[in-house]
PDB file of N, CA and C in Angstrom:
ATOM      1  N   MET A   1       0.854  -1.181   0.000  1.00  0.00           N
ATOM      2  CA  MET A   1       0.000   0.000   0.000  1.00  0.00           C
ATOM      3  C   MET A   1       0.899   1.243   0.000  1.00  0.00           C
ATOM      4  N   ASN A   2       0.598   2.160  -0.881  1.00  0.00           N
ATOM      5  CA  ASN A   2       1.401   3.382  -1.010  1.00  0.00           C
ATOM      6  C   ASN A   2       0.732   4.512  -0.224  1.00  0.00           C
ATOM      7  N   ILE A   3       1.201   4.747   0.999  1.00  0.00           N
ATOM      8  CA  ILE A   3       0.608   5.759   1.874  1.00  0.00           C
ATOM      9  C   ILE A   3       1.149   7.141   1.507  1.00  0.00           C
ATOM     10  N   THR A   4       0.227   8.065   1.272  1.00  0.00           N
ATOM     11  CA  THR A   4       0.595   9.423   0.894  1.00  0.00           C
ATOM     12  C   THR A   4       0.918  10.273   2.118  1.00  0.00           C
ATOM     13  N   LYS A   5       0.103  10.106   3.169  1.00  0.00           N
ATOM     14  CA  LYS A   5       0.250  10.945   4.358  1.00  0.00           C
ATOM     15  C   LYS A   5      -0.178  10.144   5.584  1.00  0.00           C
ATOM     16  N   THR A   6       0.486  10.410   6.719  1.00  0.00           N
ATOM     17  CA  THR A   6       0.119   9.766   7.983  1.00  0.00           C
ATOM     18  C   THR A   6      -0.323  10.839   8.968  1.00  0.00           C
ATOM     19  N   LEU A   7      -1.467  10.581   9.603  1.00  0.00           N
ATOM     20  CA  LEU A   7      -1.995  11.477  10.627  1.00  0.00           C
ATOM     21  C   LEU A   7      -1.891  10.765  11.968  1.00  0.00           C
ATOM     22  N   ASP A   8      -1.177  11.363  12.911  1.00  0.00           N
ATOM     23  CA  ASP A   8      -1.060  10.804  14.256  1.00  0.00           C
ATOM     24  C   ASP A   8      -2.095  11.475  15.146  1.00  0.00           C
ATOM     25  N   ALA A   9      -3.201  10.773  15.403  1.00  0.00           N
ATOM     26  CA  ALA A   9      -4.266  11.313  16.256  1.00  0.00           C
ATOM     27  C   ALA A   9      -4.326  10.559  17.582  1.00  0.00           C
ATOM     28  N   LYS A  10      -3.214   9.928  17.946  1.00  0.00           N
ATOM     29  CA  LYS A  10      -3.174   9.181  19.202  1.00  0.00           C
ATOM     30  C   LYS A  10      -3.318  10.151  20.376  1.00  0.00           C
ATOM     31  N   GLY A  11      -4.091   9.726  21.378  1.00  0.00           N
ATOM     32  CA  GLY A  11      -4.271  10.530  22.576  1.00  0.00           C
ATOM     33  C   GLY A  11      -5.367  11.574  22.466  1.00  0.00           C
ATOM     34  N   LEU A  12      -5.934  11.728  21.286  1.00  0.00           N
ATOM     35  CA  LEU A  12      -7.013  12.706  21.106  1.00  0.00           C
ATOM     36  C   LEU A  12      -8.359  12.052  21.379  1.00  0.00           C
ATOM     37  N   ALA A  13      -9.239  12.784  22.044  1.00  0.00           N
ATOM     38  CA  ALA A  13     -10.577  12.272  22.344  1.00  0.00           C
ATOM     39  C   ALA A  13     -11.568  12.735  21.289  1.00  0.00           C
ATOM     40  N   CYS A  14     -12.654  12.009  21.192  1.00  0.00           N
ATOM     41  CA  CYS A  14     -13.734  12.321  20.261  1.00  0.00           C
ATOM     42  C   CYS A  14     -14.181  13.774  20.489  1.00  0.00           C
ATOM     43  N   PRO A  15     -14.395  14.558  19.469  1.00  0.00           N
ATOM     44  CA  PRO A  15     -14.437  14.230  18.042  1.00  0.00           C
ATOM     45  C   PRO A  15     -13.138  14.564  17.300  1.00  0.00           C
ATOM     46  N   MET A  16     -12.057  14.854  18.014  1.00  0.00           N
ATOM     47  CA  MET A  16     -10.840  15.355  17.371  1.00  0.00           C
ATOM     48  C   MET A  16     -10.216  14.411  16.335  1.00  0.00           C
ATOM     49  N   PRO A  17     -10.209  13.083  16.522  1.00  0.00           N
ATOM     50  CA  PRO A  17      -9.645  12.249  15.461  1.00  0.00           C
ATOM     51  C   PRO A  17     -10.348  12.444  14.112  1.00  0.00           C
ATOM     52  N   VAL A  18     -11.664  12.574  14.131  1.00  0.00           N
ATOM     53  CA  VAL A  18     -12.412  12.780  12.881  1.00  0.00           C
ATOM     54  C   VAL A  18     -12.153  14.185  12.329  1.00  0.00           C
ATOM     55  N   VAL A  19     -12.114  15.175  13.193  1.00  0.00           N
ATOM     56  CA  VAL A  19     -11.844  16.551  12.757  1.00  0.00           C
ATOM     57  C   VAL A  19     -10.476  16.635  12.084  1.00  0.00           C
ATOM     58  N   ARG A  20      -9.476  16.037  12.716  1.00  0.00           N
ATOM     59  CA  ARG A  20      -8.119  16.060  12.145  1.00  0.00           C
ATOM     60  C   ARG A  20      -8.040  15.238  10.857  1.00  0.00           C
ATOM     61  N   THR A  21      -8.787  14.131  10.819  1.00  0.00           N
ATOM     62  CA  THR A  21      -8.809  13.299   9.613  1.00  0.00           C
ATOM     63  C   THR A  21      -9.366  14.075   8.438  1.00  0.00           C
ATOM     64  N   LYS A  22     -10.443  14.828   8.666  1.00  0.00           N
ATOM     65  CA  LYS A  22     -11.036  15.624   7.601  1.00  0.00           C
ATOM     66  C   LYS A  22     -10.043  16.670   7.090  1.00  0.00           C
ATOM     67  N   LYS A  23      -9.366  17.342   8.014  1.00  0.00           N
ATOM     68  CA  LYS A  23      -8.377  18.355   7.612  1.00  0.00           C
ATOM     69  C   LYS A  23      -7.240  17.726   6.823  1.00  0.00           C
ATOM     70  N   ALA A  24      -6.789  16.554   7.267  1.00  0.00           N
ATOM     71  CA  ALA A  24      -5.669  15.888   6.603  1.00  0.00           C
ATOM     72  C   ALA A  24      -6.053  15.399   5.208  1.00  0.00           C
ATOM     73  N   ILE A  25      -7.260  14.881   5.067  1.00  0.00           N
ATOM     74  CA  ILE A  25      -7.656  14.338   3.761  1.00  0.00           C
ATOM     75  C   ILE A  25      -7.849  15.459   2.743  1.00  0.00           C
ATOM     76  N   ASP A  26      -8.138  16.656   3.233  1.00  0.00           N
ATOM     77  CA  ASP A  26      -8.280  17.814   2.343  1.00  0.00           C
ATOM     78  C   ASP A  26      -6.936  18.226   1.735  1.00  0.00           C
ATOM     79  N   THR A  27      -5.832  17.745   2.303  1.00  0.00           N
ATOM     80  CA  THR A  27      -4.512  18.144   1.808  1.00  0.00           C
ATOM     81  C   THR A  27      -3.919  17.161   0.805  1.00  0.00           C
ATOM     82  N   ILE A  28      -4.629  16.036   0.555  1.00  0.00           N
ATOM     83  CA  ILE A  28      -4.114  15.067  -0.416  1.00  0.00           C
ATOM     84  C   ILE A  28      -5.027  15.024  -1.636  1.00  0.00           C
ATOM     85  N   ASN A  29      -4.553  14.402  -2.693  1.00  0.00           N
ATOM     86  CA  ASN A  29      -5.300  14.331  -3.946  1.00  0.00           C
ATOM     87  C   ASN A  29      -6.202  13.107  -3.996  1.00  0.00           C
ATOM     88  N   SER A  30      -7.200  13.164  -4.854  1.00  0.00           N
ATOM     89  CA  SER A  30      -8.115  12.056  -5.065  1.00  0.00           C
ATOM     90  C   SER A  30      -7.332  10.796  -5.441  1.00  0.00           C
ATOM     91  N   GLY A  31      -7.683   9.676  -4.797  1.00  0.00           N
ATOM     92  CA  GLY A  31      -7.010   8.415  -5.070  1.00  0.00           C
ATOM     93  C   GLY A  31      -5.831   8.128  -4.152  1.00  0.00           C
ATOM     94  N   GLU A  32      -5.348   9.156  -3.467  1.00  0.00           N
ATOM     95  CA  GLU A  32      -4.228   8.967  -2.551  1.00  0.00           C
ATOM     96  C   GLU A  32      -4.727   8.396  -1.219  1.00  0.00           C
ATOM     97  N   ILE A  33      -3.783   7.866  -0.433  1.00  0.00           N
ATOM     98  CA  ILE A  33      -4.149   7.153   0.792  1.00  0.00           C
ATOM     99  C   ILE A  33      -3.649   7.881   2.040  1.00  0.00           C
ATOM    100  N   LEU A  34      -4.571   8.048   2.980  1.00  0.00           N
ATOM    101  CA  LEU A  34      -4.264   8.658   4.277  1.00  0.00           C
ATOM    102  C   LEU A  34      -4.254   7.553   5.327  1.00  0.00           C
ATOM    103  N   GLU A  35      -3.167   7.485   6.090  1.00  0.00           N
ATOM    104  CA  GLU A  35      -3.078   6.559   7.223  1.00  0.00           C
ATOM    105  C   GLU A  35      -3.393   7.362   8.480  1.00  0.00           C
ATOM    106  N   VAL A  36      -4.333   6.862   9.282  1.00  0.00           N
ATOM    107  CA  VAL A  36      -4.709   7.540  10.523  1.00  0.00           C
ATOM    108  C   VAL A  36      -4.414   6.609  11.694  1.00  0.00           C
ATOM    109  N   LEU A  37      -3.696   7.122  12.700  1.00  0.00           N
ATOM    110  CA  LEU A  37      -3.413   6.381  13.923  1.00  0.00           C
ATOM    111  C   LEU A  37      -4.192   7.040  15.052  1.00  0.00           C
ATOM    112  N   ALA A  38      -4.980   6.250  15.776  1.00  0.00           N
ATOM    113  CA  ALA A  38      -5.797   6.791  16.862  1.00  0.00           C
ATOM    114  C   ALA A  38      -5.830   5.814  18.029  1.00  0.00           C
ATOM    115  N   THR A  39      -6.144   6.339  19.213  1.00  0.00           N
ATOM    116  CA  THR A  39      -6.278   5.484  20.390  1.00  0.00           C
ATOM    117  C   THR A  39      -7.686   5.553  20.976  1.00  0.00           C
ATOM    118  N   ASP A  40      -8.489   6.517  20.551  1.00  0.00           N
ATOM    119  CA  ASP A  40      -9.860   6.662  21.040  1.00  0.00           C
ATOM    120  C   ASP A  40     -10.741   5.601  20.385  1.00  0.00           C
ATOM    121  N   LYS A  41     -11.322   4.713  21.192  1.00  0.00           N
ATOM    122  CA  LYS A  41     -12.141   3.614  20.667  1.00  0.00           C
ATOM    123  C   LYS A  41     -13.347   4.124  19.868  1.00  0.00           C
ATOM    124  N   GLY A  42     -13.794   5.331  20.163  1.00  0.00           N
ATOM    125  CA  GLY A  42     -14.910   5.920  19.420  1.00  0.00           C
ATOM    126  C   GLY A  42     -14.569   6.149  17.962  1.00  0.00           C
ATOM    127  N   ALA A  43     -13.279   6.232  17.671  1.00  0.00           N
ATOM    128  CA  ALA A  43     -12.846   6.450  16.288  1.00  0.00           C
ATOM    129  C   ALA A  43     -13.215   5.274  15.397  1.00  0.00           C
ATOM    130  N   LEU A  44     -13.367   4.082  15.991  1.00  0.00           N
ATOM    131  CA  LEU A  44     -13.741   2.906  15.201  1.00  0.00           C
ATOM    132  C   LEU A  44     -15.017   3.163  14.410  1.00  0.00           C
ATOM    133  N   SER A  45     -16.037   3.640  15.083  1.00  0.00           N
ATOM    134  CA  SER A  45     -17.300   3.915  14.390  1.00  0.00           C
ATOM    135  C   SER A  45     -17.291   5.285  13.719  1.00  0.00           C
ATOM    136  N   ASP A  46     -16.677   6.270  14.365  1.00  0.00           N
ATOM    137  CA  ASP A  46     -16.696   7.637  13.831  1.00  0.00           C
ATOM    138  C   ASP A  46     -15.978   7.763  12.494  1.00  0.00           C
ATOM    139  N   ILE A  47     -14.771   7.254  12.407  1.00  0.00           N
ATOM    140  CA  ILE A  47     -13.991   7.398  11.171  1.00  0.00           C
ATOM    141  C   ILE A  47     -14.593   6.549  10.060  1.00  0.00           C
ATOM    142  N   THR A  48     -15.076   5.352  10.414  1.00  0.00           N
ATOM    143  CA  THR A  48     -15.725   4.496   9.425  1.00  0.00           C
ATOM    144  C   THR A  48     -16.946   5.191   8.829  1.00  0.00           C
ATOM    145  N   ALA A  49     -17.798   5.756   9.685  1.00  0.00           N
ATOM    146  CA  ALA A  49     -19.006   6.451   9.222  1.00  0.00           C
ATOM    147  C   ALA A  49     -18.649   7.704   8.437  1.00  0.00           C
ATOM    148  N   TRP A  50     -17.657   8.450   8.902  1.00  0.00           N
ATOM    149  CA  TRP A  50     -17.250   9.671   8.213  1.00  0.00           C
ATOM    150  C   TRP A  50     -16.732   9.363   6.811  1.00  0.00           C
ATOM    151  N   ALA A  51     -15.891   8.339   6.684  1.00  0.00           N
ATOM    152  CA  ALA A  51     -15.335   7.971   5.380  1.00  0.00           C
ATOM    153  C   ALA A  51     -16.453   7.599   4.411  1.00  0.00           C
ATOM    154  N   LYS A  52     -17.401   6.815   4.887  1.00  0.00           N
ATOM    155  CA  LYS A  52     -18.519   6.381   4.036  1.00  0.00           C
ATOM    156  C   LYS A  52     -19.362   7.577   3.602  1.00  0.00           C
ATOM    157  N   SER A  53     -19.672   8.468   4.541  1.00  0.00           N
ATOM    158  CA  SER A  53     -20.523   9.619   4.210  1.00  0.00           C
ATOM    159  C   SER A  53     -19.832  10.574   3.247  1.00  0.00           C
ATOM    160  N   GLY A  54     -18.497  10.600   3.276  1.00  0.00           N
ATOM    161  CA  GLY A  54     -17.753  11.482   2.384  1.00  0.00           C
ATOM    162  C   GLY A  54     -17.421  10.838   1.044  1.00  0.00           C
ATOM    163  N   GLY A  55     -17.813   9.572   0.882  1.00  0.00           N
ATOM    164  CA  GLY A  55     -17.544   8.877  -0.364  1.00  0.00           C
ATOM    165  C   GLY A  55     -16.139   8.321  -0.461  1.00  0.00           C
ATOM    166  N   HIS A  56     -15.390   8.386   0.638  1.00  0.00           N
ATOM    167  CA  HIS A  56     -14.028   7.852   0.660  1.00  0.00           C
ATOM    168  C   HIS A  56     -14.075   6.342   0.907  1.00  0.00           C
ATOM    169  N   THR A  57     -12.989   5.651   0.597  1.00  0.00           N
ATOM    170  CA  THR A  57     -12.934   4.203   0.765  1.00  0.00           C
ATOM    171  C   THR A  57     -12.025   3.835   1.924  1.00  0.00           C
ATOM    172  N   LEU A  58     -12.585   3.124   2.894  1.00  0.00           N
ATOM    173  CA  LEU A  58     -11.782   2.613   4.004  1.00  0.00           C
ATOM    174  C   LEU A  58     -11.172   1.299   3.521  1.00  0.00           C
ATOM    175  N   LEU A  59      -9.897   1.351   3.148  1.00  0.00           N
ATOM    176  CA  LEU A  59      -9.225   0.194   2.570  1.00  0.00           C
ATOM    177  C   LEU A  59      -8.927  -0.875   3.601  1.00  0.00           C
ATOM    178  N   GLU A  60      -8.529  -0.423   4.790  1.00  0.00           N
ATOM    179  CA  GLU A  60      -8.157  -1.370   5.840  1.00  0.00           C
ATOM    180  C   GLU A  60      -8.290  -0.696   7.194  1.00  0.00           C
ATOM    181  N   GLN A  61      -8.591  -1.509   8.190  1.00  0.00           N
ATOM    182  CA  GLN A  61      -8.682  -1.034   9.569  1.00  0.00           C
ATOM    183  C   GLN A  61      -8.117  -2.153  10.430  1.00  0.00           C
ATOM    184  N   LYS A  62      -7.191  -1.812  11.329  1.00  0.00           N
ATOM    185  CA  LYS A  62      -6.602  -2.828  12.195  1.00  0.00           C
ATOM    186  C   LYS A  62      -6.241  -2.220  13.537  1.00  0.00           C
ATOM    187  N   THR A  63      -6.006  -3.083  14.508  1.00  0.00           N
ATOM    188  CA  THR A  63      -5.599  -2.648  15.845  1.00  0.00           C
ATOM    189  C   THR A  63      -4.328  -3.394  16.225  1.00  0.00           C
ATOM    190  N   GLU A  64      -3.328  -2.640  16.646  1.00  0.00           N
ATOM    191  CA  GLU A  64      -2.075  -3.228  17.130  1.00  0.00           C
ATOM    192  C   GLU A  64      -1.649  -2.475  18.384  1.00  0.00           C
ATOM    193  N   ASP A  65      -1.446  -3.217  19.469  1.00  0.00           N
ATOM    194  CA  ASP A  65      -0.999  -2.609  20.733  1.00  0.00           C
ATOM    195  C   ASP A  65      -1.863  -1.416  21.144  1.00  0.00           C
ATOM    196  N   ASP A  66      -3.175  -1.578  21.081  1.00  0.00           N
ATOM    197  CA  ASP A  66      -4.149  -0.547  21.462  1.00  0.00           C
ATOM    198  C   ASP A  66      -4.131   0.685  20.555  1.00  0.00           C
ATOM    199  N   ILE A  67      -3.477   0.601  19.421  1.00  0.00           N
ATOM    200  CA  ILE A  67      -3.490   1.699  18.450  1.00  0.00           C
ATOM    201  C   ILE A  67      -4.348   1.259  17.278  1.00  0.00           C
ATOM    202  N   LEU A  68      -5.291   2.121  16.903  1.00  0.00           N
ATOM    203  CA  LEU A  68      -6.168   1.850  15.771  1.00  0.00           C
ATOM    204  C   LEU A  68      -5.529   2.438  14.520  1.00  0.00           C
ATOM    205  N   TYR A  69      -5.493   1.649  13.474  1.00  0.00           N
ATOM    206  CA  TYR A  69      -4.940   2.092  12.196  1.00  0.00           C
ATOM    207  C   TYR A  69      -6.060   2.097  11.165  1.00  0.00           C
ATOM    208  N   PHE A  70      -6.182   3.201  10.445  1.00  0.00           N
ATOM    209  CA  PHE A  70      -7.165   3.316   9.371  1.00  0.00           C
ATOM    210  C   PHE A  70      -6.424   3.727   8.097  1.00  0.00           C
ATOM    211  N   TYR A  71      -6.796   3.112   6.993  1.00  0.00           N
ATOM    212  CA  TYR A  71      -6.213   3.457   5.695  1.00  0.00           C
ATOM    213  C   TYR A  71      -7.356   3.887   4.794  1.00  0.00           C
ATOM    214  N   ILE A  72      -7.404   5.185   4.504  1.00  0.00           N
ATOM    215  CA  ILE A  72      -8.517   5.769   3.773  1.00  0.00           C
ATOM    216  C   ILE A  72      -8.043   6.289   2.429  1.00  0.00           C
ATOM    217  N   GLN A  73      -8.716   5.846   1.372  1.00  0.00           N
ATOM    218  CA  GLN A  73      -8.410   6.344   0.034  1.00  0.00           C
ATOM    219  C   GLN A  73      -9.389   7.464  -0.274  1.00  0.00           C
ATOM    220  N   LYS A  74      -8.829   8.617  -0.635  1.00  0.00           N
ATOM    221  CA  LYS A  74      -9.650   9.789  -0.888  1.00  0.00           C
ATOM    222  C   LYS A  74     -10.473   9.608  -2.158  1.00  0.00           C
ATOM    223  N   ALA A  75     -11.734  10.010  -2.082  1.00  0.00           N
ATOM    224  CA  ALA A  75     -12.648   9.916  -3.231  1.00  0.00           C
ATOM    225  C   ALA A  75     -12.218  10.842  -4.343  1.00  0.00           C
TER     226      ALA A  75
END
């Protein structure tokens, strides 16, 4: 996977991971991939729903050592 940009949203509480994700995705081009790292469990549903509502594609989502990883391809 060719990641264009990584957003470190670890330690941020809801709704900041989604707010920062939106700002970060606005800085990349259509088709590029944003990697988001978060620790807030609410991000699981929030980022998934946000990506879908914005027409973006959630390519992968995983958890390692209590860190949530999201890979979003910009619409």
